[in-house]
Protein backbone atom coordinates (compact mmCIF):
# COMPACT_ATOMS: atom_id res chain seq x y z
CA UNK A 1 3.73 -27.59 -24.76
CA UNK A 2 4.69 -26.27 -27.68
CA UNK A 3 2.15 -24.85 -30.49
CA UNK A 4 3.00 -24.56 -33.79
CA UNK A 5 1.19 -24.66 -37.16
CA UNK A 6 0.16 -27.44 -39.19
CA UNK A 7 -1.06 -28.07 -42.36
CA UNK A 8 -4.54 -27.78 -43.54
CA UNK A 9 -6.24 -30.96 -42.85
CA UNK A 10 -7.73 -31.04 -45.79
CA UNK A 11 -4.76 -31.31 -47.93
CA UNK A 12 -4.90 -35.21 -46.77
CA UNK A 13 -7.14 -35.91 -49.75
CA UNK A 14 -5.39 -37.10 -52.86
CA UNK A 15 -5.17 -39.68 -55.46
CA UNK A 16 -4.81 -42.48 -52.32
CA UNK A 17 -6.99 -40.56 -49.68
CA UNK A 18 -10.58 -39.10 -49.37
CA UNK A 19 -12.87 -38.30 -46.57
CA UNK A 20 -16.23 -39.77 -45.79
CA UNK A 21 -18.13 -39.50 -42.99
CA UNK A 22 -18.88 -42.67 -40.56
CA UNK A 23 -22.10 -43.85 -38.43
CA UNK A 24 -18.87 -44.86 -35.82
CA UNK A 25 -16.54 -42.74 -35.89
CA UNK A 26 -16.80 -39.26 -37.47
CA UNK A 27 -14.88 -38.26 -40.20
CA UNK A 28 -12.63 -40.69 -41.74
CA UNK A 29 -10.16 -41.76 -44.20
CA UNK A 30 -10.74 -44.13 -47.29
CA UNK A 31 -8.79 -45.32 -50.00
CA UNK A 32 -9.98 -43.50 -52.91
CA UNK A 33 -8.65 -46.03 -55.38
CA UNK A 34 -6.87 -49.44 -55.09
CA UNK A 35 -3.38 -49.21 -53.34
CA UNK A 36 -0.91 -51.84 -52.99
CA UNK A 37 1.08 -52.56 -49.61
CA UNK A 38 4.04 -50.31 -48.69
CA UNK A 39 2.57 -47.39 -50.40
CA UNK A 40 2.61 -44.65 -48.62
CA UNK A 41 -0.78 -42.31 -48.32
CA UNK A 42 0.19 -39.56 -46.23
CA UNK A 43 2.61 -37.79 -44.05
CA UNK A 44 2.10 -34.81 -41.09
CA UNK A 45 5.30 -32.77 -41.07
CA UNK A 46 4.79 -30.86 -37.81
CA UNK A 47 3.15 -31.39 -34.68
CA UNK A 48 -0.10 -28.55 -33.70
CA UNK A 49 1.01 -28.93 -30.25
CA UNK A 50 4.08 -31.11 -28.74
CA UNK A 51 5.43 -31.33 -25.62
CA UNK A 52 8.59 -33.08 -24.37
CA UNK A 53 8.22 -34.52 -20.51
CA UNK A 54 10.86 -32.61 -18.45
CA UNK A 55 13.49 -35.62 -17.50
CA UNK A 56 13.60 -36.24 -21.29
CA UNK A 57 14.92 -32.87 -22.53
CA UNK A 58 18.80 -33.34 -22.43
CA UNK A 59 18.32 -36.31 -23.72
CA UNK A 60 15.80 -35.49 -26.63
CA UNK A 61 16.67 -33.26 -29.52
CA UNK A 62 14.09 -30.33 -29.51
CA UNK A 63 14.17 -30.02 -33.45
CA UNK A 64 13.56 -33.75 -34.90
CA UNK A 65 13.10 -35.85 -31.61
CA UNK A 66 16.12 -37.91 -31.82
CA UNK A 67 16.74 -39.71 -28.69
CA UNK A 68 20.06 -40.03 -26.98
CA UNK A 69 19.99 -43.14 -25.63
CA UNK A 70 18.60 -44.77 -28.95
CA UNK A 71 20.32 -47.56 -30.59
CA UNK A 72 20.88 -45.61 -33.57
CA UNK A 73 22.94 -43.16 -31.98
CA UNK A 74 26.67 -42.95 -32.02
CA UNK A 75 27.80 -45.25 -28.91
CA UNK A 76 30.02 -42.18 -27.52
CA UNK A 77 26.50 -40.73 -27.47
CA UNK A 78 24.37 -43.29 -26.17
CA UNK A 79 27.08 -43.87 -23.27
CA UNK A 80 26.51 -40.51 -22.09
CA UNK A 81 22.34 -40.38 -22.97
CA UNK A 82 22.70 -36.67 -23.41
CA UNK A 83 22.89 -34.61 -26.53
CA UNK A 84 26.15 -31.87 -26.00
CA UNK A 85 24.92 -28.79 -28.21
CA UNK A 86 22.80 -26.55 -26.90
CA UNK A 87 20.60 -22.90 -27.29
CA UNK A 88 20.92 -20.62 -24.28
CA UNK A 89 20.71 -16.86 -25.09
CA UNK A 90 23.21 -14.75 -23.47
CA UNK A 91 21.52 -12.38 -21.19
CA UNK A 92 17.84 -13.23 -21.33
CA UNK A 93 16.13 -15.73 -19.33
CA UNK A 94 15.28 -18.94 -20.92
CA UNK A 95 15.14 -22.49 -20.36
CA UNK A 96 18.26 -24.61 -22.14
CA UNK A 97 17.43 -26.46 -25.67
CA UNK A 98 19.37 -29.50 -26.56
CA UNK A 99 19.78 -30.95 -30.18
CA UNK A 100 21.75 -33.54 -31.76
CA UNK A 101 23.20 -31.77 -34.32
CA UNK A 102 23.82 -27.98 -35.61
CA UNK A 103 21.69 -28.63 -38.55
CA UNK A 104 19.18 -28.87 -36.15
CA UNK A 105 20.23 -26.32 -33.83
CA UNK A 106 19.75 -23.70 -36.79
CA UNK A 107 16.71 -24.76 -38.19
CA UNK A 108 14.66 -24.67 -34.46
CA UNK A 109 16.18 -21.23 -34.10
CA UNK A 110 14.94 -20.17 -37.34
CA UNK A 111 10.59 -20.97 -35.87
CA UNK A 112 10.29 -17.92 -33.08
CA UNK A 113 7.99 -20.46 -31.45
CA UNK A 114 10.81 -22.52 -30.34
CA UNK A 115 13.06 -19.27 -28.24
CA UNK A 116 9.78 -18.59 -27.03
CA UNK A 117 8.93 -22.02 -25.51
CA UNK A 118 12.31 -21.58 -23.89
CA UNK A 119 11.43 -18.16 -22.19
CA UNK A 120 7.90 -19.52 -21.15
CA UNK A 121 9.34 -22.45 -19.56
CA UNK A 122 11.73 -20.10 -17.47
CA UNK A 123 9.02 -18.07 -16.73
CA UNK A 124 6.76 -20.86 -15.31
CA UNK A 125 9.63 -22.32 -13.78
CA UNK A 126 10.13 -19.58 -11.71
CA UNK A 127 6.46 -18.90 -10.34
CA UNK A 128 6.34 -22.38 -9.81
CA UNK A 129 9.26 -22.51 -7.19
CA UNK A 130 8.15 -18.99 -5.91
CA UNK A 131 4.42 -20.86 -5.60
CA UNK A 132 6.21 -23.54 -3.39
CA UNK A 133 8.18 -21.19 -1.64
CA UNK A 134 5.13 -19.02 -0.62
CA UNK A 135 3.10 -22.54 0.09
CA UNK A 136 0.28 -24.00 -1.07
CA UNK A 137 -3.18 -21.42 -1.02
CA UNK A 138 -6.56 -23.05 -0.30
CA UNK A 139 -8.23 -22.92 -3.61
CA UNK A 140 -12.09 -24.15 -4.13
CA UNK A 141 -12.42 -26.08 -7.20
CA UNK A 142 -15.54 -27.87 -7.92
CA UNK A 143 -15.48 -31.87 -7.88
CA UNK A 144 -17.97 -34.44 -8.36
CA UNK A 145 -18.80 -36.88 -5.84
CA UNK A 146 -19.60 -39.70 -8.33
CA UNK A 147 -19.93 -39.72 -12.38
CA UNK A 148 -23.86 -39.30 -12.23
CA UNK A 149 -22.97 -35.41 -11.14
CA UNK A 150 -20.86 -35.34 -14.45
CA UNK A 151 -22.47 -33.32 -17.08
CA UNK A 152 -21.25 -30.54 -19.44
CA UNK A 153 -23.13 -27.84 -17.77
CA UNK A 154 -21.45 -28.09 -14.89
CA UNK A 155 -18.19 -28.63 -16.49
CA UNK A 156 -19.17 -25.79 -17.78
CA UNK A 157 -20.17 -23.41 -14.55
CA UNK A 158 -16.53 -25.20 -12.61
CA UNK A 159 -14.54 -23.42 -15.90
CA UNK A 160 -16.59 -19.89 -15.19
CA UNK A 161 -15.99 -20.49 -11.42
CA UNK A 162 -12.15 -20.61 -11.58
CA UNK A 163 -12.02 -17.27 -13.19
CA UNK A 164 -12.09 -16.47 -9.23
CA UNK A 165 -9.11 -17.77 -8.69
CA UNK A 166 -7.16 -15.05 -10.80
CA UNK A 167 -6.22 -11.90 -9.61
CA UNK A 168 -8.14 -8.92 -11.67
CA UNK A 169 -5.26 -7.05 -11.48
CA UNK A 170 -3.19 -9.22 -13.78
CA UNK A 171 -6.24 -8.55 -16.53
CA UNK A 172 -5.68 -4.51 -16.05
CA UNK A 173 -3.98 -2.79 -19.60
CA UNK A 174 -4.95 -6.24 -21.92
CA UNK A 175 -6.28 -5.30 -25.27
CA UNK A 176 -9.53 -7.56 -25.99
CA UNK A 177 -8.24 -8.85 -29.75
CA UNK A 178 -8.76 -12.17 -30.95
CA UNK A 179 -5.79 -14.26 -30.25
CA UNK A 180 -5.91 -16.68 -32.78
CA UNK A 181 -6.64 -13.99 -35.45
CA UNK A 182 -3.36 -15.27 -37.93
CA UNK A 183 -3.16 -18.64 -36.72
CA UNK A 184 -6.09 -20.68 -39.78
CA UNK A 185 -4.99 -23.68 -38.01
CA UNK A 186 -6.28 -23.23 -35.07
CA UNK A 187 -9.42 -23.53 -37.02
CA UNK A 188 -8.06 -26.97 -37.74
CA UNK A 189 -7.45 -28.06 -34.25
CA UNK A 190 -11.03 -27.62 -33.30
CA UNK A 191 -12.27 -30.01 -35.94
CA UNK A 192 -10.80 -32.48 -33.58
CA UNK A 193 -13.18 -34.77 -31.15
CA UNK A 194 -13.50 -32.41 -28.00
CA UNK A 195 -13.47 -35.52 -25.45
CA UNK A 196 -13.68 -33.23 -22.72
CA UNK A 197 -16.75 -34.44 -21.25
CA UNK A 198 -15.86 -37.91 -21.69
CA UNK A 199 -12.47 -37.54 -19.99
CA UNK A 200 -13.54 -36.22 -17.14
CA UNK A 201 -16.66 -39.10 -16.58
CA UNK A 202 -13.38 -41.42 -16.66
CA UNK A 203 -11.09 -39.49 -14.70
CA UNK A 204 -12.79 -37.43 -12.10
CA UNK A 205 -9.32 -35.79 -10.75
CA UNK A 206 -8.76 -34.52 -14.26
CA UNK A 207 -11.01 -31.50 -14.18
CA UNK A 208 -9.63 -30.31 -11.39
CA UNK A 209 -5.97 -30.90 -12.13
CA UNK A 210 -6.92 -28.86 -15.41
CA UNK A 211 -8.67 -25.74 -13.80
CA UNK A 212 -5.65 -25.51 -11.45
CA UNK A 213 -3.41 -25.46 -14.75
CA UNK A 214 -5.51 -22.98 -15.72
CA UNK A 215 -4.92 -20.67 -12.84
CA UNK A 216 -1.45 -21.06 -12.44
CA UNK A 217 -0.96 -19.87 -16.16
CA UNK A 218 -3.29 -16.91 -15.52
CA UNK A 219 -1.06 -15.79 -12.55
CA UNK A 220 2.30 -16.80 -13.94
CA UNK A 221 2.47 -15.49 -17.69
CA UNK A 222 2.90 -11.94 -18.86
CA UNK A 223 0.18 -9.44 -19.64
CA UNK A 224 0.57 -10.01 -23.42
CA UNK A 225 0.14 -13.74 -23.28
CA UNK A 226 -3.39 -13.53 -21.07
CA UNK A 227 -5.42 -13.25 -23.92
CA UNK A 228 -4.90 -16.69 -25.00
CA UNK A 229 -5.39 -18.42 -22.01
CA UNK A 230 -9.48 -18.72 -21.70
CA UNK A 231 -9.15 -20.03 -25.34
CA UNK A 232 -6.24 -21.88 -25.97
CA UNK A 233 -6.19 -23.98 -22.37
CA UNK A 234 -9.40 -25.30 -22.45
CA UNK A 235 -9.89 -26.16 -25.93
CA UNK A 236 -6.20 -27.89 -26.58
CA UNK A 237 -6.61 -30.31 -22.99
CA UNK A 238 -10.26 -31.06 -24.38
CA UNK A 239 -8.13 -32.64 -27.22
CA UNK A 240 -4.91 -33.85 -25.98
CA UNK A 241 -6.62 -37.11 -24.60
CA UNK A 242 -8.27 -39.18 -27.46
CA UNK A 243 -6.39 -36.98 -30.63
CA UNK A 244 -2.62 -37.24 -28.97
CA UNK A 245 0.42 -39.41 -30.69
CA UNK A 246 2.96 -40.57 -28.51
CA UNK A 247 6.73 -39.49 -28.93
CA UNK A 248 8.51 -42.19 -28.48
CA UNK A 249 12.19 -43.83 -28.46
CA UNK A 250 11.97 -44.72 -31.79
CA UNK A 251 13.69 -48.27 -31.29
CA UNK A 252 11.99 -50.96 -29.00
CA UNK A 253 9.16 -48.11 -27.71
CA UNK A 254 10.21 -48.61 -24.07
CA UNK A 255 10.10 -45.41 -23.50
CA UNK A 256 7.43 -42.31 -24.23
CA UNK A 257 9.34 -39.54 -24.52
CA UNK A 258 6.24 -37.06 -24.50
CA UNK A 259 3.36 -36.73 -26.92
CA UNK A 260 2.13 -34.61 -29.98
CA UNK A 261 -1.14 -33.61 -31.79
CA UNK A 262 -0.78 -34.02 -35.50
CA UNK A 263 -3.87 -32.58 -36.66
CA UNK A 264 -4.39 -34.23 -40.18
CA UNK A 265 -2.41 -37.82 -38.23
CA UNK A 266 -6.03 -37.97 -36.24
CA UNK A 267 -8.33 -38.57 -38.71
CA UNK A 268 -7.25 -42.12 -38.77
CA UNK A 269 -9.66 -44.48 -37.22
CA UNK A 270 -8.85 -47.61 -35.05
CA UNK A 271 -8.68 -51.49 -35.63
CA UNK A 272 -7.11 -53.85 -34.01
CA UNK A 273 -6.33 -55.53 -37.36
CA UNK A 274 -5.30 -51.82 -39.56
CA UNK A 275 -3.86 -51.69 -42.82
CA UNK A 276 -2.23 -48.61 -42.43
CA UNK A 277 1.17 -48.79 -40.40
CA UNK A 278 2.31 -45.45 -38.93
CA UNK A 279 6.57 -44.39 -38.14
CA UNK A 280 8.05 -41.45 -36.98
CA UNK A 281 10.94 -39.29 -39.14
CA UNK A 282 12.01 -36.33 -36.92
CA UNK A 283 8.81 -34.41 -36.90
CA UNK A 284 6.95 -36.36 -39.22
CA UNK A 285 4.55 -38.98 -39.19
CA UNK A 286 4.52 -41.03 -42.28
CA UNK A 287 1.33 -43.50 -42.60
CA UNK A 288 1.58 -46.30 -45.23
CA UNK A 289 -0.13 -49.26 -46.47
CA UNK A 290 0.68 -52.41 -44.55
CA UNK A 291 -1.35 -54.80 -46.71
CA UNK A 292 -2.84 -54.14 -50.07
CA UNK A 293 -6.17 -51.93 -49.90
CA UNK A 294 -9.29 -51.98 -52.08
CA UNK A 295 -10.69 -49.03 -52.99
CA UNK A 296 -13.50 -47.63 -50.45
CA UNK A 297 -11.86 -49.38 -47.45
CA UNK A 298 -11.50 -47.55 -44.55
CA UNK A 299 -7.68 -46.55 -43.52
CA UNK A 300 -7.21 -47.35 -39.98
CA UNK A 301 -4.68 -47.55 -37.85
CA UNK A 302 -4.52 -49.01 -34.59
CA UNK A 303 -4.40 -46.94 -30.85
CA UNK A 304 -3.07 -50.08 -28.99
CA UNK A 305 -0.86 -53.00 -28.75
CA UNK A 306 -2.47 -55.62 -31.66
CA UNK A 307 -0.19 -58.11 -29.64
CA UNK A 308 -2.86 -57.85 -26.58
CA UNK A 309 -5.78 -60.47 -25.68
CA UNK A 310 -9.42 -58.99 -26.85
CA UNK A 311 -10.13 -57.77 -23.44
CA UNK A 312 -6.81 -55.78 -22.86
CA UNK A 313 -7.31 -53.89 -26.01
CA UNK A 314 -10.97 -52.81 -25.11
CA UNK A 315 -10.11 -51.79 -21.56
CA UNK A 316 -7.17 -49.60 -23.02
CA UNK A 317 -9.59 -48.33 -25.63
CA UNK A 318 -12.46 -47.36 -23.71
CA UNK A 319 -9.96 -45.78 -21.15
CA UNK A 320 -7.99 -43.39 -23.22
CA UNK A 321 -10.08 -43.04 -26.70
CA UNK A 322 -13.86 -43.68 -24.90
CA UNK A 323 -15.11 -46.16 -27.38
CA UNK A 324 -15.73 -50.15 -27.42
CA UNK A 325 -13.92 -51.24 -30.73
CA UNK A 326 -16.59 -53.28 -32.85
CA UNK A 327 -13.66 -54.21 -35.63
CA UNK A 328 -14.15 -57.88 -36.95
CA UNK A 329 -11.40 -58.96 -35.17
CA UNK A 330 -12.81 -57.99 -31.75
CA UNK A 331 -16.00 -59.62 -32.46
CA UNK A 332 -14.66 -62.87 -33.53
CA UNK A 333 -12.12 -63.14 -30.00
CA UNK A 334 -14.83 -61.43 -28.51
CA UNK A 335 -17.18 -65.13 -29.09
CA UNK A 336 -14.11 -67.46 -28.96
CA UNK A 337 -13.53 -65.81 -25.34
CA UNK A 338 -17.00 -66.34 -24.41
């Protein structure tokens, strides 16, 4: 996962968009005036955090997320399904990053976060291989027998208990400081809805997985990164589900290549009859009106495939976004179905 710096969510407000608090979806975006169809109302230029799945990293440009097997790529590239331009520093332990062009490689290299990510990938891969060779140790990580046992207090206690899994010698000599003191975007990210409790109740195995991730990072990362772990890992894992957008292949949306959290984009609520259309151009998400929108109308995208029947849409929304849709379309279709 790569964490970078997005724009301030307050920059969403413009001639077209304004923030309001709703009874059903927290803070949301509304039309500040009448908006004609095809109007771009917002662009979110850079993901706060993103990951490209390991199996796709030779096929996806590390900078602009272009997919080598896309219909829009040159035939020679599409046939090979991989990019040929790469970054890997000599004499430095780091993973390889792949690019669709020299321009993307140059842009990526100017941001220190990219090369740092490659070094961390190499460090974590080495630690993972070492742990497999040593064999998996038995660790006592909290689990629940039923959803009724899952409370926020129980989850908080499980996170406190996981500190027993990290060797105390790893924290010696680490300066106690605020690792996010220079990242104002961190506070903007923390404004997003925390879905930890709902996610653990929906997927009881997920807490154990998150605790093991935390314990692994505590043991694998170098000392100078340890101050980031307690505050960063849990907060990111608590917000990726329900706030992340899939990074798709760009053509038929047949393959999801990874995911990213575009902080400002997460303020768009859902409707099964959306009035906003989302597109991705490189790292930027663009949001345009799909029809005429009246002043005061809530601006909504769709989180799920709107071609699905109402039952499947509701199931997907409850599973991944933890709410039951009450839009006019769902109410009408539910009535007809019964």
